[in-house]
Amino acid sequence: MSEERIQRFRKLLEKNPSNPLIYYSLANEYFKLQLYEKTIETINAYLELKNDEGAAYRMLGHCYTELGMEDRAKDSYEKGIRAALQHGHPDMAEEFRDCIESIDL
């Protein structure tokens, strides 16, 4: 099912390449399939278009952690903390702090 959804989102992007929601949705499908490099590439394209409230940084942090790129994971979570606090999501910010701590263990 995800492969079909990926194809649909890619076609939608061809028609509307400036729609951040399509990038986010496509990244989410890549993430479900554990295609972490593609997820990172797509979520970064999304972040160029949208001021995210934090969830995109969760996805980035997880991808970088899975790829063994701990410094980039921490950087993503730190950006996520700032975004979450800016948008009034203190619980999300705390979750990201926990993620950073677990990387440091």
N, C-alpha and C. Protein backbone atom coordinates (compact mmCIF):
# COMPACT_ATOMS: atom_id res chain seq x y z
N MET A 1 0.82 -1.20 0.00
CA MET A 1 0.00 0.00 0.00
C MET A 1 0.86 1.27 0.00
N SER A 2 1.94 1.29 0.78
CA SER A 2 2.77 2.49 0.85
C SER A 2 3.41 2.83 -0.49
N GLU A 3 3.79 1.81 -1.25
CA GLU A 3 4.38 2.07 -2.57
C GLU A 3 3.39 2.80 -3.47
N GLU A 4 2.13 2.40 -3.41
CA GLU A 4 1.10 3.07 -4.20
C GLU A 4 0.93 4.52 -3.75
N ARG A 5 0.94 4.71 -2.44
CA ARG A 5 0.80 6.06 -1.89
C ARG A 5 2.00 6.92 -2.29
N ILE A 6 3.18 6.35 -2.27
CA ILE A 6 4.38 7.08 -2.68
C ILE A 6 4.22 7.57 -4.11
N GLN A 7 3.77 6.70 -4.99
CA GLN A 7 3.58 7.09 -6.39
C GLN A 7 2.54 8.21 -6.52
N ARG A 8 1.47 8.12 -5.74
CA ARG A 8 0.45 9.17 -5.79
C ARG A 8 1.02 10.51 -5.33
N PHE A 9 1.78 10.49 -4.22
CA PHE A 9 2.35 11.74 -3.71
C PHE A 9 3.39 12.31 -4.68
N ARG A 10 4.15 11.45 -5.32
CA ARG A 10 5.12 11.94 -6.30
C ARG A 10 4.42 12.64 -7.47
N LYS A 11 3.31 12.06 -7.92
CA LYS A 11 2.55 12.69 -9.01
C LYS A 11 1.96 14.03 -8.55
N LEU A 12 1.49 14.06 -7.32
CA LEU A 12 0.96 15.31 -6.79
C LEU A 12 2.05 16.38 -6.72
N LEU A 13 3.27 15.98 -6.34
CA LEU A 13 4.39 16.92 -6.28
C LEU A 13 4.75 17.47 -7.65
N GLU A 14 4.63 16.63 -8.67
CA GLU A 14 4.90 17.10 -10.03
C GLU A 14 3.94 18.24 -10.40
N LYS A 15 2.70 18.13 -9.94
CA LYS A 15 1.69 19.14 -10.25
C LYS A 15 1.81 20.36 -9.34
N ASN A 16 2.24 20.14 -8.10
CA ASN A 16 2.29 21.23 -7.13
C ASN A 16 3.53 21.10 -6.25
N PRO A 17 4.70 21.45 -6.79
CA PRO A 17 5.96 21.25 -6.06
C PRO A 17 6.18 22.20 -4.88
N SER A 18 5.29 23.14 -4.67
CA SER A 18 5.46 24.05 -3.55
C SER A 18 4.48 23.76 -2.40
N ASN A 19 3.86 22.59 -2.43
CA ASN A 19 2.91 22.23 -1.38
C ASN A 19 3.63 21.45 -0.28
N PRO A 20 3.84 22.06 0.90
CA PRO A 20 4.58 21.38 1.95
C PRO A 20 3.89 20.11 2.47
N LEU A 21 2.58 20.10 2.48
CA LEU A 21 1.85 18.93 2.99
C LEU A 21 2.15 17.68 2.16
N ILE A 22 2.33 17.84 0.88
CA ILE A 22 2.64 16.69 0.03
C ILE A 22 4.03 16.15 0.38
N TYR A 23 4.99 17.04 0.59
CA TYR A 23 6.33 16.60 1.00
C TYR A 23 6.28 15.85 2.33
N TYR A 24 5.54 16.41 3.28
CA TYR A 24 5.44 15.76 4.58
C TYR A 24 4.80 14.38 4.46
N SER A 25 3.74 14.30 3.69
CA SER A 25 3.04 13.02 3.50
C SER A 25 3.93 11.99 2.81
N LEU A 26 4.68 12.44 1.81
CA LEU A 26 5.61 11.55 1.11
C LEU A 26 6.71 11.08 2.06
N ALA A 27 7.25 11.99 2.84
CA ALA A 27 8.28 11.61 3.81
C ALA A 27 7.76 10.59 4.79
N ASN A 28 6.53 10.75 5.21
CA ASN A 28 5.92 9.81 6.15
C ASN A 28 5.82 8.41 5.54
N GLU A 29 5.50 8.34 4.27
CA GLU A 29 5.42 7.04 3.59
C GLU A 29 6.81 6.40 3.48
N TYR A 30 7.81 7.19 3.14
CA TYR A 30 9.18 6.66 3.11
C TYR A 30 9.59 6.16 4.50
N PHE A 31 9.22 6.93 5.51
CA PHE A 31 9.56 6.57 6.88
C PHE A 31 8.95 5.22 7.27
N LYS A 32 7.69 5.02 6.91
CA LYS A 32 7.02 3.75 7.20
C LYS A 32 7.75 2.56 6.60
N LEU A 33 8.38 2.79 5.44
CA LEU A 33 9.11 1.72 4.75
C LEU A 33 10.59 1.67 5.18
N GLN A 34 10.94 2.49 6.16
CA GLN A 34 12.31 2.57 6.67
C GLN A 34 13.31 2.99 5.60
N LEU A 35 12.85 3.81 4.68
CA LEU A 35 13.72 4.39 3.65
C LEU A 35 14.23 5.72 4.20
N TYR A 36 15.17 5.63 5.13
CA TYR A 36 15.58 6.78 5.92
C TYR A 36 16.25 7.88 5.11
N GLU A 37 17.08 7.53 4.15
CA GLU A 37 17.73 8.56 3.34
C GLU A 37 16.70 9.37 2.56
N LYS A 38 15.73 8.67 1.97
CA LYS A 38 14.68 9.35 1.22
C LYS A 38 13.80 10.19 2.15
N THR A 39 13.57 9.67 3.35
CA THR A 39 12.79 10.42 4.33
C THR A 39 13.50 11.73 4.65
N ILE A 40 14.80 11.65 4.92
CA ILE A 40 15.57 12.85 5.26
C ILE A 40 15.53 13.86 4.12
N GLU A 41 15.77 13.40 2.92
CA GLU A 41 15.75 14.29 1.76
C GLU A 41 14.40 14.98 1.61
N THR A 42 13.34 14.22 1.77
CA THR A 42 11.99 14.76 1.56
C THR A 42 11.56 15.66 2.71
N ILE A 43 11.90 15.30 3.93
CA ILE A 43 11.49 16.14 5.06
C ILE A 43 12.28 17.45 5.04
N ASN A 44 13.52 17.42 4.56
CA ASN A 44 14.27 18.66 4.44
C ASN A 44 13.66 19.58 3.38
N ALA A 45 13.15 19.00 2.30
CA ALA A 45 12.44 19.80 1.30
C ALA A 45 11.18 20.42 1.91
N TYR A 46 10.48 19.65 2.73
CA TYR A 46 9.30 20.15 3.44
C TYR A 46 9.68 21.33 4.34
N LEU A 47 10.79 21.17 5.09
CA LEU A 47 11.20 22.22 6.03
C LEU A 47 11.64 23.51 5.33
N GLU A 48 12.02 23.40 4.08
CA GLU A 48 12.35 24.61 3.32
C GLU A 48 11.09 25.43 3.01
N LEU A 49 9.94 24.74 3.04
CA LEU A 49 8.68 25.39 2.69
C LEU A 49 7.82 25.74 3.89
N LYS A 50 8.05 25.09 5.02
CA LYS A 50 7.12 25.18 6.15
C LYS A 50 7.86 25.35 7.46
N ASN A 51 7.33 26.18 8.32
CA ASN A 51 7.82 26.32 9.68
C ASN A 51 7.12 25.26 10.52
N ASP A 52 7.76 24.12 10.69
CA ASP A 52 7.15 22.97 11.35
C ASP A 52 7.04 23.20 12.86
N GLU A 53 6.03 22.59 13.47
CA GLU A 53 5.81 22.72 14.90
C GLU A 53 6.62 21.72 15.72
N GLY A 54 7.31 20.79 15.07
CA GLY A 54 8.16 19.86 15.80
C GLY A 54 8.16 18.43 15.28
N ALA A 55 7.05 17.97 14.78
CA ALA A 55 6.93 16.56 14.40
C ALA A 55 7.92 16.15 13.31
N ALA A 56 8.21 17.05 12.40
CA ALA A 56 9.17 16.71 11.32
C ALA A 56 10.55 16.44 11.90
N TYR A 57 10.89 17.14 12.97
CA TYR A 57 12.19 16.94 13.59
C TYR A 57 12.27 15.60 14.32
N ARG A 58 11.13 15.12 14.79
CA ARG A 58 11.08 13.77 15.38
C ARG A 58 11.47 12.74 14.32
N MET A 59 10.86 12.90 13.14
CA MET A 59 11.13 11.98 12.05
C MET A 59 12.61 12.05 11.64
N LEU A 60 13.13 13.27 11.51
CA LEU A 60 14.54 13.44 11.15
C LEU A 60 15.45 12.81 12.19
N GLY A 61 15.19 13.10 13.45
CA GLY A 61 16.02 12.56 14.52
C GLY A 61 16.05 11.05 14.51
N HIS A 62 14.89 10.46 14.31
CA HIS A 62 14.81 9.00 14.27
C HIS A 62 15.61 8.45 13.08
N CYS A 63 15.45 9.07 11.93
CA CYS A 63 16.17 8.60 10.74
C CYS A 63 17.67 8.68 10.95
N TYR A 64 18.14 9.82 11.43
CA TYR A 64 19.58 9.96 11.65
C TYR A 64 20.09 8.96 12.69
N THR A 65 19.30 8.71 13.72
CA THR A 65 19.70 7.72 14.73
C THR A 65 19.82 6.35 14.11
N GLU A 66 18.85 5.97 13.31
CA GLU A 66 18.87 4.66 12.65
C GLU A 66 20.05 4.52 11.70
N LEU A 67 20.49 5.63 11.13
CA LEU A 67 21.63 5.61 10.21
C LEU A 67 22.97 5.77 10.92
N GLY A 68 22.94 5.84 12.25
CA GLY A 68 24.17 5.97 13.03
C GLY A 68 24.77 7.35 13.00
N MET A 69 23.97 8.34 12.68
CA MET A 69 24.44 9.72 12.59
C MET A 69 23.95 10.49 13.81
N GLU A 70 24.54 10.16 14.97
CA GLU A 70 24.05 10.68 16.24
C GLU A 70 24.12 12.21 16.34
N ASP A 71 25.19 12.82 15.83
CA ASP A 71 25.30 14.28 15.91
C ASP A 71 24.17 14.97 15.15
N ARG A 72 23.87 14.45 13.99
CA ARG A 72 22.77 15.03 13.21
C ARG A 72 21.42 14.76 13.89
N ALA A 73 21.30 13.60 14.52
CA ALA A 73 20.07 13.29 15.25
C ALA A 73 19.88 14.30 16.38
N LYS A 74 20.93 14.53 17.14
CA LYS A 74 20.84 15.49 18.25
C LYS A 74 20.49 16.88 17.74
N ASP A 75 21.12 17.28 16.66
CA ASP A 75 20.84 18.59 16.07
C ASP A 75 19.37 18.68 15.66
N SER A 76 18.84 17.62 15.08
CA SER A 76 17.43 17.61 14.68
C SER A 76 16.52 17.73 15.89
N TYR A 77 16.82 16.97 16.94
CA TYR A 77 16.00 17.05 18.15
C TYR A 77 16.10 18.43 18.80
N GLU A 78 17.29 19.03 18.77
CA GLU A 78 17.43 20.38 19.33
C GLU A 78 16.60 21.39 18.55
N LYS A 79 16.60 21.29 17.24
CA LYS A 79 15.75 22.15 16.42
C LYS A 79 14.28 21.88 16.73
N GLY A 80 13.97 20.60 16.94
CA GLY A 80 12.60 20.23 17.29
C GLY A 80 12.17 20.82 18.62
N ILE A 81 13.08 20.86 19.58
CA ILE A 81 12.77 21.47 20.88
C ILE A 81 12.42 22.94 20.69
N ARG A 82 13.24 23.65 19.92
CA ARG A 82 12.97 25.07 19.69
C ARG A 82 11.63 25.27 18.98
N ALA A 83 11.37 24.45 17.97
CA ALA A 83 10.10 24.58 17.24
C ALA A 83 8.91 24.25 18.14
N ALA A 84 9.05 23.18 18.91
CA ALA A 84 7.94 22.77 19.78
C ALA A 84 7.63 23.86 20.81
N LEU A 85 8.66 24.42 21.41
CA LEU A 85 8.44 25.47 22.41
C LEU A 85 7.86 26.72 21.77
N GLN A 86 8.33 27.05 20.59
CA GLN A 86 7.82 28.22 19.87
C GLN A 86 6.32 28.08 19.58
N HIS A 87 5.88 26.84 19.35
CA HIS A 87 4.47 26.61 19.00
C HIS A 87 3.64 26.09 20.17
N GLY A 88 4.19 26.16 21.38
CA GLY A 88 3.41 25.80 22.56
C GLY A 88 3.23 24.31 22.78
N HIS A 89 4.26 23.52 22.49
CA HIS A 89 4.21 22.07 22.69
C HIS A 89 5.30 21.62 23.67
N PRO A 90 5.17 21.96 24.94
CA PRO A 90 6.22 21.62 25.90
C PRO A 90 6.42 20.10 26.08
N ASP A 91 5.36 19.32 25.95
CA ASP A 91 5.50 17.87 26.08
C ASP A 91 6.36 17.30 24.94
N MET A 92 6.18 17.83 23.76
CA MET A 92 6.99 17.39 22.63
C MET A 92 8.45 17.76 22.87
N ALA A 93 8.69 18.96 23.37
CA ALA A 93 10.05 19.39 23.66
C ALA A 93 10.70 18.46 24.67
N GLU A 94 9.95 18.06 25.67
CA GLU A 94 10.49 17.13 26.67
C GLU A 94 10.78 15.77 26.06
N GLU A 95 9.93 15.32 25.18
CA GLU A 95 10.17 14.06 24.46
C GLU A 95 11.50 14.12 23.71
N PHE A 96 11.75 15.24 23.05
CA PHE A 96 12.99 15.40 22.29
C PHE A 96 14.21 15.45 23.21
N ARG A 97 14.06 16.06 24.38
CA ARG A 97 15.16 16.06 25.35
C ARG A 97 15.48 14.63 25.77
N ASP A 98 14.44 13.84 25.97
CA ASP A 98 14.64 12.42 26.32
C ASP A 98 15.36 11.67 25.20
N CYS A 99 15.01 11.99 23.96
CA CYS A 99 15.67 11.35 22.82
C CYS A 99 17.15 11.68 22.81
N ILE A 100 17.49 12.94 23.07
CA ILE A 100 18.89 13.34 23.12
C ILE A 100 19.62 12.60 24.23
N GLU A 101 18.99 12.50 25.39
CA GLU A 101 19.61 11.77 26.49
C GLU A 101 19.85 10.31 26.15
N SER A 102 18.91 9.69 25.44
CA SER A 102 19.07 8.27 25.10
C SER A 102 20.21 8.07 24.09
N ILE A 103 20.44 9.07 23.25
CA ILE A 103 21.57 8.99 22.31
C ILE A 103 22.88 9.08 23.07
N ASP A 104 22.91 9.90 24.10
CA ASP A 104 24.13 10.12 24.87
C ASP A 104 24.50 8.94 25.78
N LEU A 105 23.59 8.02 25.97
CA LEU A 105 23.88 6.88 26.88
C LEU A 105 24.90 5.94 26.33
